[in-house]
PDB file of N, CA and C in Angstrom:
ATOM      1  N   MET A   1     -28.414  94.444 -59.229  1.00  0.00           N
ATOM      2  CA  MET A   1     -28.427  94.160 -60.650  1.00  0.00           C
ATOM      3  C   MET A   1     -29.829  93.750 -61.082  1.00  0.00           C
ATOM      4  N   ASP A   2     -30.174  94.154 -62.262  1.00  0.00           N
ATOM      5  CA  ASP A   2     -31.469  93.830 -62.836  1.00  0.00           C
ATOM      6  C   ASP A   2     -31.468  92.384 -63.330  1.00  0.00           C
ATOM      7  N   GLY A   3     -32.314  91.552 -62.752  1.00  0.00           N
ATOM      8  CA  GLY A   3     -32.377  90.134 -63.100  1.00  0.00           C
ATOM      9  C   GLY A   3     -32.848  89.867 -64.519  1.00  0.00           C
ATOM     10  N   LYS A   4     -33.408  90.876 -65.178  1.00  0.00           N
ATOM     11  CA  LYS A   4     -33.837  90.712 -66.568  1.00  0.00           C
ATOM     12  C   LYS A   4     -32.711  91.005 -67.547  1.00  0.00           C
ATOM     13  N   ARG A   5     -31.666  91.683 -67.093  1.00  0.00           N
ATOM     14  CA  ARG A   5     -30.554  92.044 -67.971  1.00  0.00           C
ATOM     15  C   ARG A   5     -29.293  91.254 -67.673  1.00  0.00           C
ATOM     16  N   PHE A   6     -29.165  90.743 -66.450  1.00  0.00           N
ATOM     17  CA  PHE A   6     -27.973  90.003 -66.038  1.00  0.00           C
ATOM     18  C   PHE A   6     -28.363  88.591 -65.646  1.00  0.00           C
ATOM     19  N   VAL A   7     -27.509  87.633 -66.002  1.00  0.00           N
ATOM     20  CA  VAL A   7     -27.783  86.241 -65.662  1.00  0.00           C
ATOM     21  C   VAL A   7     -26.478  85.569 -65.250  1.00  0.00           C
ATOM     22  N   ARG A   8     -26.589  84.725 -64.240  1.00  0.00           N
ATOM     23  CA  ARG A   8     -25.423  83.950 -63.807  1.00  0.00           C
ATOM     24  C   ARG A   8     -25.304  82.743 -64.721  1.00  0.00           C
ATOM     25  N   VAL A   9     -24.113  82.533 -65.276  1.00  0.00           N
ATOM     26  CA  VAL A   9     -23.907  81.431 -66.210  1.00  0.00           C
ATOM     27  C   VAL A   9     -22.870  80.432 -65.712  1.00  0.00           C
ATOM     28  N   HIS A  10     -22.188  80.780 -64.636  1.00  0.00           N
ATOM     29  CA  HIS A  10     -21.121  79.950 -64.092  1.00  0.00           C
ATOM     30  C   HIS A  10     -20.888  80.451 -62.674  1.00  0.00           C
ATOM     31  N   ARG A  11     -20.292  79.661 -61.843  1.00  0.00           N
ATOM     32  CA  ARG A  11     -20.061  80.112 -60.467  1.00  0.00           C
ATOM     33  C   ARG A  11     -19.167  81.347 -60.407  1.00  0.00           C
ATOM     34  N   ARG A  12     -18.379  81.583 -61.450  1.00  0.00           N
ATOM     35  CA  ARG A  12     -17.480  82.745 -61.488  1.00  0.00           C
ATOM     36  C   ARG A  12     -17.940  83.857 -62.410  1.00  0.00           C
ATOM     37  N   TYR A  13     -19.023  83.642 -63.177  1.00  0.00           N
ATOM     38  CA  TYR A  13     -19.404  84.604 -64.198  1.00  0.00           C
ATOM     39  C   TYR A  13     -20.875  84.992 -64.131  1.00  0.00           C
ATOM     40  N   ILE A  14     -21.119  86.280 -64.212  1.00  0.00           N
ATOM     41  CA  ILE A  14     -22.442  86.857 -64.420  1.00  0.00           C
ATOM     42  C   ILE A  14     -22.292  87.722 -65.658  1.00  0.00           C
ATOM     43  N   VAL A  15     -23.216  87.591 -66.611  1.00  0.00           N
ATOM     44  CA  VAL A  15     -23.096  88.354 -67.854  1.00  0.00           C
ATOM     45  C   VAL A  15     -24.316  89.227 -68.088  1.00  0.00           C
ATOM     46  N   SER A  16     -24.088  90.303 -68.799  1.00  0.00           N
ATOM     47  CA  SER A  16     -25.173  91.171 -69.243  1.00  0.00           C
ATOM     48  C   SER A  16     -25.697  90.608 -70.552  1.00  0.00           C
ATOM     49  N   LEU A  17     -26.993  90.384 -70.636  1.00  0.00           N
ATOM     50  CA  LEU A  17     -27.578  89.836 -71.851  1.00  0.00           C
ATOM     51  C   LEU A  17     -27.473  90.809 -73.019  1.00  0.00           C
ATOM     52  N   ASP A  18     -27.234  92.068 -72.728  1.00  0.00           N
ATOM     53  CA  ASP A  18     -27.062  93.068 -73.785  1.00  0.00           C
ATOM     54  C   ASP A  18     -25.834  92.769 -74.647  1.00  0.00           C
ATOM     55  N   PHE A  19     -24.876  92.029 -74.109  1.00  0.00           N
ATOM     56  CA  PHE A  19     -23.624  91.785 -74.818  1.00  0.00           C
ATOM     57  C   PHE A  19     -23.468  90.368 -75.346  1.00  0.00           C
ATOM     58  N   VAL A  20     -24.441  89.503 -75.105  1.00  0.00           N
ATOM     59  CA  VAL A  20     -24.368  88.129 -75.595  1.00  0.00           C
ATOM     60  C   VAL A  20     -24.654  88.130 -77.090  1.00  0.00           C
ATOM     61  N   GLN A  21     -23.713  87.619 -77.865  1.00  0.00           N
ATOM     62  CA  GLN A  21     -23.868  87.558 -79.316  1.00  0.00           C
ATOM     63  C   GLN A  21     -24.396  86.206 -79.767  1.00  0.00           C
ATOM     64  N   SER A  22     -23.946  85.128 -79.119  1.00  0.00           N
ATOM     65  CA  SER A  22     -24.402  83.792 -79.503  1.00  0.00           C
ATOM     66  C   SER A  22     -24.050  82.793 -78.409  1.00  0.00           C
ATOM     67  N   ILE A  23     -24.686  81.616 -78.517  1.00  0.00           N
ATOM     68  CA  ILE A  23     -24.374  80.494 -77.639  1.00  0.00           C
ATOM     69  C   ILE A  23     -23.631  79.483 -78.494  1.00  0.00           C
ATOM     70  N   VAL A  24     -22.439  79.109 -78.055  1.00  0.00           N
ATOM     71  CA  VAL A  24     -21.567  78.235 -78.834  1.00  0.00           C
ATOM     72  C   VAL A  24     -21.443  76.892 -78.124  1.00  0.00           C
ATOM     73  N   PRO A  25     -21.926  75.790 -78.742  1.00  0.00           N
ATOM     74  CA  PRO A  25     -21.743  74.473 -78.114  1.00  0.00           C
ATOM     75  C   PRO A  25     -20.288  74.029 -78.231  1.00  0.00           C
ATOM     76  N   LEU A  26     -19.726  73.588 -77.126  1.00  0.00           N
ATOM     77  CA  LEU A  26     -18.355  73.085 -77.091  1.00  0.00           C
ATOM     78  C   LEU A  26     -18.353  71.665 -76.547  1.00  0.00           C
ATOM     79  N   GLU A  27     -17.276  70.942 -76.736  1.00  0.00           N
ATOM     80  CA  GLU A  27     -17.174  69.584 -76.189  1.00  0.00           C
ATOM     81  C   GLU A  27     -17.314  69.586 -74.675  1.00  0.00           C
ATOM     82  N   SER A  28     -16.733  70.587 -74.037  1.00  0.00           N
ATOM     83  CA  SER A  28     -16.730  70.642 -72.576  1.00  0.00           C
ATOM     84  C   SER A  28     -17.996  71.266 -72.013  1.00  0.00           C
ATOM     85  N   GLY A  29     -18.896  71.736 -72.868  1.00  0.00           N
ATOM     86  CA  GLY A  29     -20.114  72.405 -72.436  1.00  0.00           C
ATOM     87  C   GLY A  29     -20.353  73.609 -73.327  1.00  0.00           C
ATOM     88  N   ASP A  30     -21.337  74.412 -73.012  1.00  0.00           N
ATOM     89  CA  ASP A  30     -21.650  75.578 -73.821  1.00  0.00           C
ATOM     90  C   ASP A  30     -20.794  76.765 -73.415  1.00  0.00           C
ATOM     91  N   ALA A  31     -20.724  77.747 -74.307  1.00  0.00           N
ATOM     92  CA  ALA A  31     -20.045  79.004 -74.012  1.00  0.00           C
ATOM     93  C   ALA A  31     -20.831  80.123 -74.670  1.00  0.00           C
ATOM     94  N   LEU A  32     -20.717  81.311 -74.116  1.00  0.00           N
ATOM     95  CA  LEU A  32     -21.343  82.488 -74.696  1.00  0.00           C
ATOM     96  C   LEU A  32     -20.297  83.268 -75.456  1.00  0.00           C
ATOM     97  N   SER A  33     -20.661  83.749 -76.599  1.00  0.00           N
ATOM     98  CA  SER A  33     -19.763  84.606 -77.361  1.00  0.00           C
ATOM     99  C   SER A  33     -20.157  86.052 -77.067  1.00  0.00           C
ATOM    100  N   THR A  34     -19.229  86.789 -76.488  1.00  0.00           N
ATOM    101  CA  THR A  34     -19.477  88.184 -76.134  1.00  0.00           C
ATOM    102  C   THR A  34     -18.316  89.041 -76.614  1.00  0.00           C
ATOM    103  N   GLY A  35     -17.689  88.639 -77.683  1.00  0.00           N
ATOM    104  CA  GLY A  35     -16.433  89.250 -78.102  1.00  0.00           C
ATOM    105  C   GLY A  35     -15.283  88.396 -77.607  1.00  0.00           C
ATOM    106  N   GLY A  36     -15.516  87.645 -76.555  1.00  0.00           N
ATOM    107  CA  GLY A  36     -14.631  86.636 -75.997  1.00  0.00           C
ATOM    108  C   GLY A  36     -15.545  85.497 -75.608  1.00  0.00           C
ATOM    109  N   GLU A  37     -15.018  84.422 -75.110  1.00  0.00           N
ATOM    110  CA  GLU A  37     -15.882  83.308 -74.704  1.00  0.00           C
ATOM    111  C   GLU A  37     -16.010  83.251 -73.201  1.00  0.00           C
ATOM    112  N   VAL A  38     -17.232  83.035 -72.747  1.00  0.00           N
ATOM    113  CA  VAL A  38     -17.544  82.901 -71.325  1.00  0.00           C
ATOM    114  C   VAL A  38     -18.140  81.513 -71.140  1.00  0.00           C
ATOM    115  N   PRO A  39     -17.578  80.686 -70.260  1.00  0.00           N
ATOM    116  CA  PRO A  39     -18.130  79.340 -70.068  1.00  0.00           C
ATOM    117  C   PRO A  39     -19.501  79.389 -69.413  1.00  0.00           C
ATOM    118  N   VAL A  40     -20.330  78.418 -69.775  1.00  0.00           N
ATOM    119  CA  VAL A  40     -21.656  78.255 -69.171  1.00  0.00           C
ATOM    120  C   VAL A  40     -21.676  76.881 -68.522  1.00  0.00           C
ATOM    121  N   SER A  41     -21.883  76.836 -67.226  1.00  0.00           N
ATOM    122  CA  SER A  41     -21.898  75.538 -66.550  1.00  0.00           C
ATOM    123  C   SER A  41     -23.236  74.849 -66.745  1.00  0.00           C
ATOM    124  N   ARG A  42     -23.246  73.534 -66.604  1.00  0.00           N
ATOM    125  CA  ARG A  42     -24.484  72.769 -66.740  1.00  0.00           C
ATOM    126  C   ARG A  42     -25.520  73.223 -65.723  1.00  0.00           C
ATOM    127  N   ARG A  43     -25.079  73.643 -64.582  1.00  0.00           N
ATOM    128  CA  ARG A  43     -25.982  74.069 -63.515  1.00  0.00           C
ATOM    129  C   ARG A  43     -26.827  75.280 -63.919  1.00  0.00           C
ATOM    130  N   TYR A  44     -26.258  76.187 -64.703  1.00  0.00           N
ATOM    131  CA  TYR A  44     -26.945  77.432 -65.059  1.00  0.00           C
ATOM    132  C   TYR A  44     -27.419  77.464 -66.505  1.00  0.00           C
ATOM    133  N   ARG A  45     -27.166  76.425 -67.275  1.00  0.00           N
ATOM    134  CA  ARG A  45     -27.478  76.407 -68.709  1.00  0.00           C
ATOM    135  C   ARG A  45     -28.955  76.646 -69.010  1.00  0.00           C
ATOM    136  N   ASP A  46     -29.851  75.921 -68.348  1.00  0.00           N
ATOM    137  CA  ASP A  46     -31.280  76.055 -68.647  1.00  0.00           C
ATOM    138  C   ASP A  46     -31.809  77.451 -68.305  1.00  0.00           C
ATOM    139  N   ALA A  47     -31.381  77.997 -67.190  1.00  0.00           N
ATOM    140  CA  ALA A  47     -31.817  79.344 -66.814  1.00  0.00           C
ATOM    141  C   ALA A  47     -31.331  80.372 -67.818  1.00  0.00           C
ATOM    142  N   MET A  48     -30.116  80.212 -68.293  1.00  0.00           N
ATOM    143  CA  MET A  48     -29.552  81.153 -69.257  1.00  0.00           C
ATOM    144  C   MET A  48     -30.303  81.054 -70.577  1.00  0.00           C
ATOM    145  N   LYS A  49     -30.560  79.854 -71.054  1.00  0.00           N
ATOM    146  CA  LYS A  49     -31.246  79.678 -72.335  1.00  0.00           C
ATOM    147  C   LYS A  49     -32.676  80.194 -72.281  1.00  0.00           C
ATOM    148  N   SER A  50     -33.325  80.098 -71.148  1.00  0.00           N
ATOM    149  CA  SER A  50     -34.714  80.573 -71.047  1.00  0.00           C
ATOM    150  C   SER A  50     -34.800  82.095 -71.028  1.00  0.00           C
ATOM    151  N   THR A  51     -33.716  82.778 -70.682  1.00  0.00           N
ATOM    152  CA  THR A  51     -33.726  84.235 -70.656  1.00  0.00           C
ATOM    153  C   THR A  51     -33.219  84.848 -71.947  1.00  0.00           C
ATOM    154  N   CYS A  52     -32.524  84.073 -72.776  1.00  0.00           N
ATOM    155  CA  CYS A  52     -31.976  84.628 -74.031  1.00  0.00           C
ATOM    156  C   CYS A  52     -32.982  84.612 -75.135  1.00  0.00           C
TER     157      CYS A  52
END
């Protein structure tokens, strides 16, 4: 996978940045809006935000 197009956002989720519509702050943490919601763990939050 191309590290410039895909990013790990949770231990169970890797997303394509081509499909990320927005970052949604939630009480339990952040989530990505991609037509559905994908959780973003605190561990991967900074890496994800720096690539978006």
